[in-house]
Structures are given as C-alpha cells and as structure tokens.
Protein backbone atom coordinates (compact mmCIF):
# COMPACT_ATOMS: atom_id res chain seq x y z
CA UNK A 1 0.00 0.00 0.00
CA UNK A 2 1.47 3.33 -1.04
CA UNK A 3 1.58 6.40 1.15
CA UNK A 4 -0.91 8.15 -1.13
CA UNK A 5 -3.32 5.23 -0.81
CA UNK A 6 -3.08 5.38 2.99
CA UNK A 7 -3.67 9.14 2.96
CA UNK A 8 -6.73 8.68 0.76
CA UNK A 9 -8.09 5.95 3.06
CA UNK A 10 -7.48 8.05 6.19
CA UNK A 11 -9.37 10.93 4.56
CA UNK A 12 -12.25 8.57 3.70
CA UNK A 13 -12.42 7.19 7.23
CA UNK A 14 -12.49 10.73 8.63
CA UNK A 15 -15.23 11.72 6.19
CA UNK A 16 -17.33 8.65 7.06
CA UNK A 17 -17.06 9.51 10.76
CA UNK A 18 -17.90 13.16 10.11
CA UNK A 19 -20.97 12.21 8.07
CA UNK A 20 -22.09 9.74 10.76
CA UNK A 21 -21.99 6.64 8.55
CA UNK A 22 -23.50 3.70 10.41
CA UNK A 23 -21.06 0.98 9.42
CA UNK A 24 -19.29 -1.75 11.31
CA UNK A 25 -15.51 -2.03 11.06
CA UNK A 26 -16.01 -4.99 8.74
CA UNK A 27 -18.24 -2.91 6.45
CA UNK A 28 -15.81 0.01 6.43
CA UNK A 29 -12.92 -2.31 5.59
CA UNK A 30 -14.97 -3.79 2.76
CA UNK A 31 -15.80 -0.30 1.46
CA UNK A 32 -12.09 0.57 1.45
CA UNK A 33 -11.13 -2.82 -0.08
CA UNK A 34 -8.78 -3.63 2.79
CA UNK A 35 -8.58 -6.24 5.53
CA UNK A 36 -10.20 -5.42 8.85
CA UNK A 37 -6.77 -5.54 10.52
CA UNK A 38 -5.54 -2.88 8.06
CA UNK A 39 -8.53 -0.73 9.01
CA UNK A 40 -7.52 -0.92 12.67
CA UNK A 41 -4.01 0.18 11.71
CA UNK A 42 -5.46 3.18 9.84
CA UNK A 43 -7.69 4.02 12.80
CA UNK A 44 -4.62 3.95 15.05
CA UNK A 45 -2.96 6.43 12.67
CA UNK A 46 -6.07 8.65 12.85
CA UNK A 47 -5.83 8.57 16.64
CA UNK A 48 -2.12 9.42 16.47
CA UNK A 49 -3.04 12.42 14.29
CA UNK A 50 -5.47 13.70 16.91
CA UNK A 51 -8.86 12.12 16.22
CA UNK A 52 -10.53 10.77 19.36
CA UNK A 53 -12.23 7.82 17.63
CA UNK A 54 -14.45 5.35 19.42
CA UNK A 55 -16.84 2.77 18.03
CA UNK A 56 -20.29 3.24 19.57
CA UNK A 57 -21.94 -0.18 19.62
CA UNK A 58 -25.34 1.30 20.45
CA UNK A 59 -25.44 3.53 17.37
CA UNK A 60 -23.30 1.18 15.25
CA UNK A 61 -20.82 3.79 14.09
CA UNK A 62 -17.48 5.38 14.82
CA UNK A 63 -17.65 8.74 16.54
CA UNK A 64 -15.16 11.50 17.25
CA UNK A 65 -15.81 12.62 20.81
CA UNK A 66 -14.15 16.01 20.34
CA UNK A 67 -15.45 16.50 16.76
CA UNK A 68 -11.95 16.63 15.29
CA UNK A 69 -11.58 15.30 11.77
CA UNK A 70 -8.68 14.85 9.39
CA UNK A 71 -8.22 16.09 5.84
CA UNK A 72 -4.76 15.60 4.43
CA UNK A 73 -3.97 17.46 1.23
CA UNK A 74 -0.85 17.16 -0.91
CA UNK A 75 0.10 19.90 -3.32
CA UNK A 76 2.72 19.45 -6.00
CA UNK A 77 3.74 23.12 -6.10
C-alpha cells in the first residue's frame, strides 16, 4: 500500500465519521477494499493524528468525541 493510498483511506475514514456513517468495522474495511486488521491500523494512525475515535456499539458507528476530523492534502507546487 502506497503512502498516497493510505492518505486517501485516512481521509475517507475521517469523512465517514464526520458524516455519521452507520457501518461496522467490517463494512468500512470492505468499502475501502482492505482487511479489517488494516482498518484498525489506519484508525490507530487517525488517533495518532489527533482524532478521538471510538466505536459506539449502540449507534453502530465510529464517533469522534471532540469533533476533530482529518483532511490531508498534498500539493505538488
């Protein structure tokens, strides 16, 4: 997996959380075409970057307790 692919997937995870997507980790991994274990690695990276992610079993979705989200942009200038 390239660095650009990881960045894209981290951005997608952050967007799913921001939009309140009700998806299990298995469903998110499937949506990203990655293994569930790879998803957990990406979630750990999101946490390292400042997102306070938790999976809420009651609502069936990931939530950011402090409403912080990630958007990584790369410019070639």
